[in-house]
C-alpha atoms as a PDB file:
ATOM      1  CA  UNK A   1      19.572  -6.513  -3.958  1.00  0.00           C
ATOM      2  CA  UNK A   2      17.793  -5.926  -7.246  1.00  0.00           C
ATOM      3  CA  UNK A   3      17.549  -8.235 -10.217  1.00  0.00           C
ATOM      4  CA  UNK A   4      16.191  -6.757 -13.451  1.00  0.00           C
ATOM      5  CA  UNK A   5      14.273  -8.149 -16.414  1.00  0.00           C
ATOM      6  CA  UNK A   6      13.464  -5.734 -19.241  1.00  0.00           C
ATOM      7  CA  UNK A   7      14.389  -2.721 -17.073  1.00  0.00           C
ATOM      8  CA  UNK A   8      12.036  -3.801 -14.282  1.00  0.00           C
ATOM      9  CA  UNK A   9      13.150  -5.461 -11.080  1.00  0.00           C
ATOM     10  CA  UNK A  10      12.221  -9.106 -10.596  1.00  0.00           C
ATOM     11  CA  UNK A  11      12.651  -8.850  -6.837  1.00  0.00           C
ATOM     12  CA  UNK A  12      13.115  -6.068  -4.330  1.00  0.00           C
ATOM     13  CA  UNK A  13      13.775  -5.769  -0.628  1.00  0.00           C
ATOM     14  CA  UNK A  14      10.506  -4.781   1.054  1.00  0.00           C
ATOM     15  CA  UNK A  15       9.847  -2.406   3.928  1.00  0.00           C
ATOM     16  CA  UNK A  16      10.440  -5.121   6.529  1.00  0.00           C
ATOM     17  CA  UNK A  17      13.624  -6.337   4.795  1.00  0.00           C
ATOM     18  CA  UNK A  18      11.822  -9.243   3.143  1.00  0.00           C
ATOM     19  CA  UNK A  19      12.408 -10.241  -0.475  1.00  0.00           C
ATOM     20  CA  UNK A  20       9.364  -9.284  -2.561  1.00  0.00           C
ATOM     21  CA  UNK A  21       8.468 -10.549  -6.013  1.00  0.00           C
ATOM     22  CA  UNK A  22       5.230 -10.169  -7.937  1.00  0.00           C
ATOM     23  CA  UNK A  23       4.284 -13.613  -6.619  1.00  0.00           C
ATOM     24  CA  UNK A  24       4.925 -12.749  -2.954  1.00  0.00           C
ATOM     25  CA  UNK A  25       2.998  -9.465  -2.967  1.00  0.00           C
ATOM     26  CA  UNK A  26      -0.424  -9.488  -1.308  1.00  0.00           C
ATOM     27  CA  UNK A  27      -2.955 -11.447  -3.386  1.00  0.00           C
ATOM     28  CA  UNK A  28      -5.156  -9.427  -5.774  1.00  0.00           C
ATOM     29  CA  UNK A  29      -8.315 -10.337  -3.844  1.00  0.00           C
ATOM     30  CA  UNK A  30      -6.987  -8.774  -0.607  1.00  0.00           C
ATOM     31  CA  UNK A  31      -9.719  -6.904   1.262  1.00  0.00           C
ATOM     32  CA  UNK A  32      -8.156  -6.532   4.717  1.00  0.00           C
ATOM     33  CA  UNK A  33      -5.395  -3.987   4.340  1.00  0.00           C
ATOM     34  CA  UNK A  34      -3.080  -4.124   7.336  1.00  0.00           C
ATOM     35  CA  UNK A  35      -0.171  -1.709   7.446  1.00  0.00           C
ATOM     36  CA  UNK A  36       2.407  -4.282   6.336  1.00  0.00           C
ATOM     37  CA  UNK A  37       0.462  -5.150   3.168  1.00  0.00           C
ATOM     38  CA  UNK A  38      -0.032  -1.490   2.299  1.00  0.00           C
ATOM     39  CA  UNK A  39       3.703  -0.953   2.774  1.00  0.00           C
ATOM     40  CA  UNK A  40       4.517  -3.853   0.455  1.00  0.00           C
ATOM     41  CA  UNK A  41       2.344  -2.398  -2.312  1.00  0.00           C
ATOM     42  CA  UNK A  42       3.802   1.099  -1.915  1.00  0.00           C
ATOM     43  CA  UNK A  43       7.347  -0.304  -1.926  1.00  0.00           C
ATOM     44  CA  UNK A  44       6.617  -2.402  -5.017  1.00  0.00           C
ATOM     45  CA  UNK A  45       5.373   0.656  -6.918  1.00  0.00           C
ATOM     46  CA  UNK A  46       8.201   2.891  -5.762  1.00  0.00           C
ATOM     47  CA  UNK A  47      10.839   0.303  -6.726  1.00  0.00           C
ATOM     48  CA  UNK A  48       9.227  -0.456 -10.087  1.00  0.00           C
ATOM     49  CA  UNK A  49       8.147  -4.019  -9.336  1.00  0.00           C
ATOM     50  CA  UNK A  50       4.604  -2.888 -10.234  1.00  0.00           C
ATOM     51  CA  UNK A  51       3.558   0.223 -12.115  1.00  0.00           C
ATOM     52  CA  UNK A  52       1.073   2.487 -10.397  1.00  0.00           C
ATOM     53  CA  UNK A  53      -1.555   1.495 -12.957  1.00  0.00           C
ATOM     54  CA  UNK A  54      -0.911  -2.206 -12.312  1.00  0.00           C
ATOM     55  CA  UNK A  55      -1.237  -1.730  -8.560  1.00  0.00           C
ATOM     56  CA  UNK A  56      -4.486   0.228  -8.882  1.00  0.00           C
ATOM     57  CA  UNK A  57      -6.011  -2.411 -11.154  1.00  0.00           C
ATOM     58  CA  UNK A  58      -4.636  -5.441  -9.296  1.00  0.00           C
ATOM     59  CA  UNK A  59      -5.894  -4.251  -5.900  1.00  0.00           C
ATOM     60  CA  UNK A  60      -8.923  -2.237  -7.031  1.00  0.00           C
ATOM     61  CA  UNK A  61      -7.543   0.917  -5.395  1.00  0.00           C
ATOM     62  CA  UNK A  62      -8.381   4.507  -6.162  1.00  0.00           C
ATOM     63  CA  UNK A  63      -5.566   6.883  -6.963  1.00  0.00           C
ATOM     64  CA  UNK A  64      -6.398   8.895  -3.830  1.00  0.00           C
ATOM     65  CA  UNK A  65      -6.252   5.781  -1.645  1.00  0.00           C
ATOM     66  CA  UNK A  66      -2.865   4.739  -3.008  1.00  0.00           C
ATOM     67  CA  UNK A  67      -1.447   8.243  -2.620  1.00  0.00           C
ATOM     68  CA  UNK A  68      -2.728   8.434   0.963  1.00  0.00           C
ATOM     69  CA  UNK A  69      -0.767   5.228   1.710  1.00  0.00           C
ATOM     70  CA  UNK A  70       2.333   6.574  -0.005  1.00  0.00           C
ATOM     71  CA  UNK A  71       2.113   9.884   1.828  1.00  0.00           C
ATOM     72  CA  UNK A  72       1.603   8.193   5.211  1.00  0.00           C
ATOM     73  CA  UNK A  73       4.550   5.883   4.568  1.00  0.00           C
ATOM     74  CA  UNK A  74       6.777   8.750   3.423  1.00  0.00           C
ATOM     75  CA  UNK A  75       5.922  10.714   6.566  1.00  0.00           C
ATOM     76  CA  UNK A  76       6.107   7.974   9.172  1.00  0.00           C
ATOM     77  CA  UNK A  77       7.093   4.649   7.639  1.00  0.00           C
ATOM     78  CA  UNK A  78       4.959   1.549   8.152  1.00  0.00           C
ATOM     79  CA  UNK A  79       3.693   2.944  11.462  1.00  0.00           C
ATOM     80  CA  UNK A  80       2.201   5.888   9.583  1.00  0.00           C
ATOM     81  CA  UNK A  81      -0.011   3.504   7.689  1.00  0.00           C
ATOM     82  CA  UNK A  82      -1.463   2.264  10.983  1.00  0.00           C
ATOM     83  CA  UNK A  83      -2.181   5.768  12.221  1.00  0.00           C
ATOM     84  CA  UNK A  84      -3.797   6.786   8.933  1.00  0.00           C
ATOM     85  CA  UNK A  85      -6.224   3.872   9.168  1.00  0.00           C
ATOM     86  CA  UNK A  86      -7.209   4.774  12.713  1.00  0.00           C
ATOM     87  CA  UNK A  87      -7.733   8.416  11.792  1.00  0.00           C
ATOM     88  CA  UNK A  88      -9.790   7.419   8.762  1.00  0.00           C
ATOM     89  CA  UNK A  89     -11.985   5.142  10.870  1.00  0.00           C
ATOM     90  CA  UNK A  90     -12.538   7.927  13.402  1.00  0.00           C
ATOM     91  CA  UNK A  91     -13.577  10.309  10.644  1.00  0.00           C
ATOM     92  CA  UNK A  92     -16.090   7.829   9.244  1.00  0.00           C
ATOM     93  CA  UNK A  93     -17.561   7.126  12.693  1.00  0.00           C
ATOM     94  CA  UNK A  94     -17.906  10.842  13.432  1.00  0.00           C
ATOM     95  CA  UNK A  95     -19.582  11.428  10.058  1.00  0.00           C
ATOM     96  CA  UNK A  96     -22.079   8.625  10.723  1.00  0.00           C
ATOM     97  CA  UNK A  97     -22.811   9.989  14.196  1.00  0.00           C
ATOM     98  CA  UNK A  98     -23.525  13.425  12.757  1.00  0.00           C
ATOM     99  CA  UNK A  99     -25.831  11.957  10.115  1.00  0.00           C
ATOM    100  CA  UNK A 100     -27.825  10.009  12.703  1.00  0.00           C
ATOM    101  CA  UNK A 101     -27.958  12.822  15.304  1.00  0.00           C
END
């Protein structure tokens, strides 16, 4: 179900079959990015609820970070976002261990 205003949807169906609007997206000050929130942002951009530029500015994301979420979601759905976070954390921990060794 899509409802449009000025060629942009007012609401979309999110990755977990929930109705998403600009007001129900994660708050701009979000700092803890669980997989479901990442999926909501990616879905909002892909469906046109937010532009990519709006999402980057609203959530203070880098282009690379957003695209890593989108790629993980395209490959494996919401679960892929969980795996990507774990892999990223492992990489950071290994890098820190090498620096301190």
